[in-house]
Amino acid sequence: MPFPSDSTPDVEVERLIERERTRQTTGLQLIASENFTSPAVMRATGSVLTNKYSEGYPGKRYYGGNAVVDEIEALAIERVKKLFGAEHANVQPHSGASANMAVYQAMLKPGDVVLGLSLDHGGHLTHG
């Protein structure tokens, strides 16, 4: 079976996505991580921003090419601070840290040793 090109919609996948959209919009999901996402967030997460890895904080990233991402994150931080009257805000989602903790808790016993690589050698912030 030939695969469609990047510019050709995959009709089968689109049909399945629509089924999932229907499920989400016609029922009540009581799992916090399945909160219904707004159209604005869907557009942003479906944008070229998904192609960019940006570990770290604005102006202090571990990879190059983050100038625009830094501006977006700084804007989000300022908006959250204003909204909640806060001096500080972190708008970054949970990701690698939660995944690593799940693995640690599932695979390790108290006292086990874990090898953690430094960031510049492929490690993650949660490796210590």
N, C-alpha and C. Protein backbone atom coordinates (compact mmCIF):
# COMPACT_ATOMS: atom_id res chain seq x y z
N MET A 1 0.85 -1.18 0.00
CA MET A 1 0.00 0.00 0.00
C MET A 1 0.88 1.24 0.00
N PRO A 2 0.74 2.10 -0.98
CA PRO A 2 1.56 3.32 -0.99
C PRO A 2 1.11 4.29 0.10
N PHE A 3 2.08 4.99 0.67
CA PHE A 3 1.78 5.97 1.70
C PHE A 3 1.58 7.34 1.06
N PRO A 4 0.64 8.12 1.58
CA PRO A 4 0.42 9.46 1.02
C PRO A 4 1.62 10.36 1.28
N SER A 5 1.78 11.34 0.41
CA SER A 5 2.86 12.30 0.62
C SER A 5 2.52 13.20 1.80
N ASP A 6 3.49 13.99 2.22
CA ASP A 6 3.27 14.90 3.35
C ASP A 6 2.16 15.90 3.07
N SER A 7 1.96 16.24 1.80
CA SER A 7 0.95 17.26 1.47
C SER A 7 -0.44 16.66 1.23
N THR A 8 -0.52 15.34 1.16
CA THR A 8 -1.81 14.68 0.93
C THR A 8 -2.37 14.20 2.26
N PRO A 9 -3.58 14.64 2.61
CA PRO A 9 -4.17 14.17 3.87
C PRO A 9 -4.35 12.65 3.86
N ASP A 10 -4.09 12.04 4.97
CA ASP A 10 -4.31 10.60 5.12
C ASP A 10 -5.76 10.43 5.56
N VAL A 11 -6.60 10.03 4.65
CA VAL A 11 -8.04 9.96 4.89
C VAL A 11 -8.37 9.03 6.04
N GLU A 12 -7.68 7.91 6.13
CA GLU A 12 -7.96 6.95 7.20
C GLU A 12 -7.62 7.53 8.57
N VAL A 13 -6.45 8.18 8.67
CA VAL A 13 -6.06 8.79 9.94
C VAL A 13 -7.00 9.95 10.27
N GLU A 14 -7.36 10.75 9.29
CA GLU A 14 -8.29 11.86 9.52
C GLU A 14 -9.63 11.34 10.06
N ARG A 15 -10.11 10.23 9.51
CA ARG A 15 -11.37 9.65 9.96
C ARG A 15 -11.25 9.21 11.42
N LEU A 16 -10.13 8.60 11.77
CA LEU A 16 -9.92 8.15 13.15
C LEU A 16 -9.79 9.34 14.11
N ILE A 17 -9.11 10.38 13.67
CA ILE A 17 -9.00 11.59 14.49
C ILE A 17 -10.39 12.18 14.74
N GLU A 18 -11.22 12.19 13.71
CA GLU A 18 -12.57 12.73 13.87
C GLU A 18 -13.39 11.88 14.85
N ARG A 19 -13.21 10.57 14.81
CA ARG A 19 -13.89 9.71 15.80
C ARG A 19 -13.46 10.05 17.21
N GLU A 20 -12.16 10.29 17.40
CA GLU A 20 -11.67 10.66 18.74
C GLU A 20 -12.20 12.03 19.15
N ARG A 21 -12.25 12.97 18.21
CA ARG A 21 -12.80 14.30 18.51
C ARG A 21 -14.26 14.16 18.96
N THR A 22 -15.03 13.33 18.28
CA THR A 22 -16.43 13.10 18.65
C THR A 22 -16.52 12.51 20.06
N ARG A 23 -15.68 11.54 20.36
CA ARG A 23 -15.68 10.93 21.69
C ARG A 23 -15.41 11.99 22.76
N GLN A 24 -14.43 12.85 22.50
CA GLN A 24 -14.06 13.86 23.48
C GLN A 24 -15.13 14.93 23.66
N THR A 25 -15.83 15.27 22.59
CA THR A 25 -16.80 16.37 22.67
C THR A 25 -18.20 15.91 23.06
N THR A 26 -18.43 14.61 23.15
CA THR A 26 -19.76 14.13 23.51
C THR A 26 -19.79 13.42 24.85
N GLY A 27 -18.70 13.44 25.55
CA GLY A 27 -18.66 12.80 26.86
C GLY A 27 -17.88 13.64 27.85
N LEU A 28 -17.98 13.28 29.10
CA LEU A 28 -17.28 13.99 30.15
C LEU A 28 -16.08 13.16 30.59
N GLN A 29 -14.89 13.70 30.40
CA GLN A 29 -13.66 13.01 30.80
C GLN A 29 -13.26 13.53 32.17
N LEU A 30 -13.12 12.67 33.14
CA LEU A 30 -12.79 13.08 34.50
C LEU A 30 -11.33 12.83 34.85
N ILE A 31 -10.49 12.75 33.83
CA ILE A 31 -9.05 12.61 34.04
C ILE A 31 -8.43 13.96 33.72
N ALA A 32 -7.70 14.53 34.68
CA ALA A 32 -7.16 15.88 34.51
C ALA A 32 -6.32 16.03 33.25
N SER A 33 -5.52 15.03 32.93
CA SER A 33 -4.64 15.12 31.76
C SER A 33 -5.41 15.01 30.45
N GLU A 34 -6.70 14.74 30.52
CA GLU A 34 -7.53 14.68 29.32
C GLU A 34 -8.47 15.89 29.24
N ASN A 35 -8.07 16.98 29.86
CA ASN A 35 -8.83 18.21 29.79
C ASN A 35 -8.99 18.62 28.33
N PHE A 36 -10.16 19.12 27.97
CA PHE A 36 -10.41 19.49 26.58
C PHE A 36 -9.64 20.76 26.24
N THR A 37 -8.88 20.69 25.18
CA THR A 37 -8.00 21.79 24.76
C THR A 37 -8.75 22.79 23.90
N SER A 38 -8.48 24.06 24.12
CA SER A 38 -9.14 25.11 23.34
C SER A 38 -8.63 25.11 21.90
N PRO A 39 -9.43 25.64 20.96
CA PRO A 39 -8.98 25.73 19.56
C PRO A 39 -7.67 26.51 19.42
N ALA A 40 -7.48 27.56 20.22
CA ALA A 40 -6.25 28.34 20.13
C ALA A 40 -5.03 27.50 20.51
N VAL A 41 -5.18 26.69 21.55
CA VAL A 41 -4.08 25.82 21.97
C VAL A 41 -3.85 24.74 20.92
N MET A 42 -4.91 24.20 20.35
CA MET A 42 -4.77 23.19 19.30
C MET A 42 -3.99 23.76 18.11
N ARG A 43 -4.29 25.01 17.72
CA ARG A 43 -3.56 25.62 16.60
C ARG A 43 -2.09 25.79 16.95
N ALA A 44 -1.80 26.23 18.17
CA ALA A 44 -0.40 26.43 18.56
C ALA A 44 0.36 25.11 18.63
N THR A 45 -0.26 24.09 19.19
CA THR A 45 0.44 22.81 19.31
C THR A 45 0.51 22.07 17.98
N GLY A 46 -0.30 22.47 17.03
CA GLY A 46 -0.23 21.88 15.69
C GLY A 46 0.61 22.73 14.75
N SER A 47 1.37 23.64 15.28
CA SER A 47 2.17 24.56 14.47
C SER A 47 3.62 24.08 14.37
N VAL A 48 4.45 24.89 13.73
CA VAL A 48 5.88 24.57 13.60
C VAL A 48 6.59 24.54 14.96
N LEU A 49 5.93 25.02 16.00
CA LEU A 49 6.56 24.98 17.33
C LEU A 49 6.78 23.54 17.80
N THR A 50 6.00 22.60 17.28
CA THR A 50 6.20 21.20 17.68
C THR A 50 7.50 20.63 17.11
N ASN A 51 8.10 21.31 16.16
CA ASN A 51 9.36 20.86 15.57
C ASN A 51 10.57 21.29 16.38
N LYS A 52 10.37 22.05 17.44
CA LYS A 52 11.48 22.66 18.17
C LYS A 52 11.59 22.10 19.57
N TYR A 53 12.78 21.63 19.91
CA TYR A 53 13.08 21.17 21.26
C TYR A 53 13.71 22.33 21.99
N SER A 54 13.20 22.67 23.15
CA SER A 54 13.69 23.87 23.84
C SER A 54 13.83 23.64 25.34
N GLU A 55 14.71 22.73 25.70
CA GLU A 55 14.93 22.43 27.12
C GLU A 55 15.67 23.59 27.78
N GLY A 56 15.27 23.92 28.98
CA GLY A 56 15.87 25.02 29.71
C GLY A 56 14.88 26.17 29.85
N TYR A 57 15.41 27.36 30.09
CA TYR A 57 14.57 28.54 30.28
C TYR A 57 14.93 29.61 29.26
N PRO A 58 14.03 30.56 29.01
CA PRO A 58 14.31 31.60 28.02
C PRO A 58 15.67 32.26 28.25
N GLY A 59 16.45 32.32 27.19
CA GLY A 59 17.78 32.90 27.26
C GLY A 59 18.83 31.97 27.83
N LYS A 60 18.41 30.81 28.30
CA LYS A 60 19.34 29.85 28.92
C LYS A 60 19.01 28.44 28.44
N ARG A 61 18.88 28.26 27.15
CA ARG A 61 18.53 26.96 26.58
C ARG A 61 19.80 26.14 26.36
N TYR A 62 19.58 24.84 26.22
CA TYR A 62 20.70 23.94 25.98
C TYR A 62 20.93 23.69 24.50
N TYR A 63 20.03 24.20 23.65
CA TYR A 63 20.14 24.04 22.21
C TYR A 63 19.95 25.40 21.56
N GLY A 64 20.47 25.55 20.36
CA GLY A 64 20.35 26.82 19.66
C GLY A 64 19.02 26.97 18.95
N GLY A 65 18.82 28.14 18.36
CA GLY A 65 17.63 28.39 17.55
C GLY A 65 16.35 28.59 18.33
N ASN A 66 16.45 29.11 19.55
CA ASN A 66 15.26 29.25 20.39
C ASN A 66 14.79 30.69 20.57
N ALA A 67 15.26 31.61 19.76
CA ALA A 67 14.91 33.02 19.95
C ALA A 67 13.39 33.23 19.95
N VAL A 68 12.70 32.66 18.98
CA VAL A 68 11.25 32.85 18.89
C VAL A 68 10.54 32.12 20.02
N VAL A 69 10.97 30.90 20.32
CA VAL A 69 10.38 30.14 21.43
C VAL A 69 10.57 30.91 22.73
N ASP A 70 11.74 31.51 22.91
CA ASP A 70 11.99 32.31 24.11
C ASP A 70 11.00 33.48 24.21
N GLU A 71 10.74 34.14 23.08
CA GLU A 71 9.79 35.26 23.09
C GLU A 71 8.39 34.78 23.46
N ILE A 72 7.99 33.65 22.91
CA ILE A 72 6.66 33.10 23.20
C ILE A 72 6.55 32.74 24.68
N GLU A 73 7.58 32.07 25.20
CA GLU A 73 7.53 31.68 26.61
C GLU A 73 7.55 32.90 27.52
N ALA A 74 8.36 33.90 27.19
CA ALA A 74 8.40 35.12 28.00
C ALA A 74 7.04 35.82 28.00
N LEU A 75 6.38 35.84 26.84
CA LEU A 75 5.04 36.43 26.75
C LEU A 75 4.05 35.66 27.62
N ALA A 76 4.11 34.34 27.57
CA ALA A 76 3.21 33.51 28.39
C ALA A 76 3.47 33.75 29.87
N ILE A 77 4.73 33.84 30.25
CA ILE A 77 5.08 34.09 31.66
C ILE A 77 4.50 35.42 32.13
N GLU A 78 4.67 36.46 31.33
CA GLU A 78 4.15 37.78 31.72
C GLU A 78 2.63 37.76 31.84
N ARG A 79 1.98 37.07 30.94
CA ARG A 79 0.51 37.00 31.00
C ARG A 79 0.03 36.24 32.24
N VAL A 80 0.69 35.14 32.58
CA VAL A 80 0.31 34.37 33.77
C VAL A 80 0.58 35.18 35.03
N LYS A 81 1.71 35.87 35.08
CA LYS A 81 2.02 36.70 36.25
C LYS A 81 0.95 37.77 36.44
N LYS A 82 0.55 38.41 35.34
CA LYS A 82 -0.49 39.44 35.43
C LYS A 82 -1.82 38.84 35.85
N LEU A 83 -2.19 37.72 35.25
CA LEU A 83 -3.46 37.06 35.55
C LEU A 83 -3.59 36.70 37.02
N PHE A 84 -2.51 36.18 37.61
CA PHE A 84 -2.56 35.72 39.00
C PHE A 84 -1.93 36.69 39.99
N GLY A 85 -1.47 37.85 39.50
CA GLY A 85 -0.83 38.82 40.38
C GLY A 85 0.42 38.24 41.03
N ALA A 86 1.17 37.47 40.28
CA ALA A 86 2.34 36.77 40.82
C ALA A 86 3.64 37.47 40.43
N GLU A 87 4.65 37.29 41.25
CA GLU A 87 5.97 37.82 40.92
C GLU A 87 6.72 36.90 39.96
N HIS A 88 6.44 35.61 40.04
CA HIS A 88 7.14 34.61 39.22
C HIS A 88 6.12 33.63 38.66
N ALA A 89 6.46 33.02 37.53
CA ALA A 89 5.60 31.99 36.94
C ALA A 89 6.45 31.06 36.10
N ASN A 90 6.05 29.81 36.06
CA ASN A 90 6.66 28.83 35.18
C ASN A 90 5.54 28.25 34.34
N VAL A 91 5.64 28.42 33.04
CA VAL A 91 4.58 27.97 32.14
C VAL A 91 4.95 26.70 31.39
N GLN A 92 6.05 26.08 31.76
CA GLN A 92 6.49 24.87 31.06
C GLN A 92 5.69 23.66 31.52
N PRO A 93 5.32 22.80 30.57
CA PRO A 93 4.55 21.61 30.93
C PRO A 93 5.42 20.53 31.53
N HIS A 94 4.78 19.61 32.23
CA HIS A 94 5.48 18.43 32.71
C HIS A 94 5.78 17.54 31.52
N SER A 95 6.95 16.93 31.52
CA SER A 95 7.25 16.00 30.42
C SER A 95 8.28 14.98 30.85
N GLY A 96 9.54 15.23 30.52
CA GLY A 96 10.59 14.27 30.82
C GLY A 96 10.69 13.93 32.29
N ALA A 97 10.47 14.90 33.15
CA ALA A 97 10.58 14.66 34.59
C ALA A 97 9.54 13.64 35.05
N SER A 98 8.31 13.80 34.61
CA SER A 98 7.26 12.86 35.00
C SER A 98 7.53 11.47 34.44
N ALA A 99 7.99 11.41 33.21
CA ALA A 99 8.29 10.12 32.60
C ALA A 99 9.43 9.43 33.33
N ASN A 100 10.48 10.17 33.65
CA ASN A 100 11.61 9.56 34.36
C ASN A 100 11.21 9.08 35.75
N MET A 101 10.40 9.86 36.46
CA MET A 101 9.98 9.44 37.79
C MET A 101 9.14 8.16 37.72
N ALA A 102 8.31 8.04 36.72
CA ALA A 102 7.51 6.82 36.56
C ALA A 102 8.41 5.61 36.36
N VAL A 103 9.45 5.78 35.55
CA VAL A 103 10.39 4.67 35.32
C VAL A 103 11.16 4.36 36.59
N TYR A 104 11.64 5.40 37.27
CA TYR A 104 12.40 5.18 38.52
C TYR A 104 11.56 4.39 39.52
N GLN A 105 10.31 4.82 39.71
CA GLN A 105 9.45 4.17 40.70
C GLN A 105 9.08 2.75 40.29
N ALA A 106 8.96 2.50 39.00
CA ALA A 106 8.58 1.17 38.54
C ALA A 106 9.75 0.20 38.53
N MET A 107 10.95 0.70 38.29
CA MET A 107 12.09 -0.20 38.05
C MET A 107 13.09 -0.28 39.20
N LEU A 108 13.10 0.69 40.09
CA LEU A 108 14.15 0.75 41.11
C LEU A 108 13.63 0.44 42.50
N LYS A 109 14.54 0.00 43.33
CA LYS A 109 14.25 -0.20 44.76
C LYS A 109 15.09 0.81 45.54
N PRO A 110 14.69 1.16 46.76
CA PRO A 110 15.50 2.09 47.56
C PRO A 110 16.95 1.61 47.65
N GLY A 111 17.87 2.52 47.39
CA GLY A 111 19.29 2.20 47.45
C GLY A 111 19.90 1.83 46.11
N ASP A 112 19.06 1.60 45.07
CA ASP A 112 19.60 1.29 43.75
C ASP A 112 20.39 2.48 43.21
N VAL A 113 21.33 2.20 42.35
CA VAL A 113 22.17 3.24 41.75
C VAL A 113 21.67 3.51 40.34
N VAL A 114 21.61 4.79 39.98
CA VAL A 114 21.18 5.21 38.65
C VAL A 114 22.31 5.97 37.99
N LEU A 115 22.61 5.62 36.74
CA LEU A 115 23.61 6.36 35.97
C LEU A 115 22.89 7.53 35.31
N GLY A 116 23.36 8.73 35.55
CA GLY A 116 22.77 9.90 34.93
C GLY A 116 23.80 10.65 34.12
N LEU A 117 23.48 10.92 32.87
CA LEU A 117 24.39 11.66 32.00
C LEU A 117 24.18 13.16 32.18
N SER A 118 25.23 13.91 32.00
CA SER A 118 25.09 15.37 32.03
C SER A 118 24.34 15.81 30.77
N LEU A 119 23.76 17.01 30.82
CA LEU A 119 22.97 17.50 29.69
C LEU A 119 23.76 17.53 28.39
N ASP A 120 25.02 17.96 28.46
CA ASP A 120 25.80 18.07 27.24
C ASP A 120 26.25 16.71 26.69
N HIS A 121 25.93 15.63 27.40
CA HIS A 121 26.22 14.29 26.92
C HIS A 121 24.94 13.48 26.69
N GLY A 122 23.81 14.18 26.56
CA GLY A 122 22.55 13.51 26.24
C GLY A 122 21.65 13.22 27.42
N GLY A 123 22.03 13.69 28.61
CA GLY A 123 21.21 13.47 29.80
C GLY A 123 20.00 14.38 29.86
N HIS A 124 19.24 14.22 30.91
CA HIS A 124 18.04 15.03 31.13
C HIS A 124 18.17 15.70 32.49
N LEU A 125 17.47 16.80 32.66
CA LEU A 125 17.54 17.55 33.92
C LEU A 125 17.24 16.69 35.13
N THR A 126 16.40 15.67 34.98
CA THR A 126 16.02 14.83 36.11
C THR A 126 17.04 13.75 36.43
N HIS A 127 18.11 13.70 35.69
CA HIS A 127 19.13 12.68 35.95
C HIS A 127 20.08 13.10 37.06
N GLY A 128 19.90 14.28 37.62
CA GLY A 128 20.72 14.70 38.74
C GLY A 128 21.81 15.66 38.39
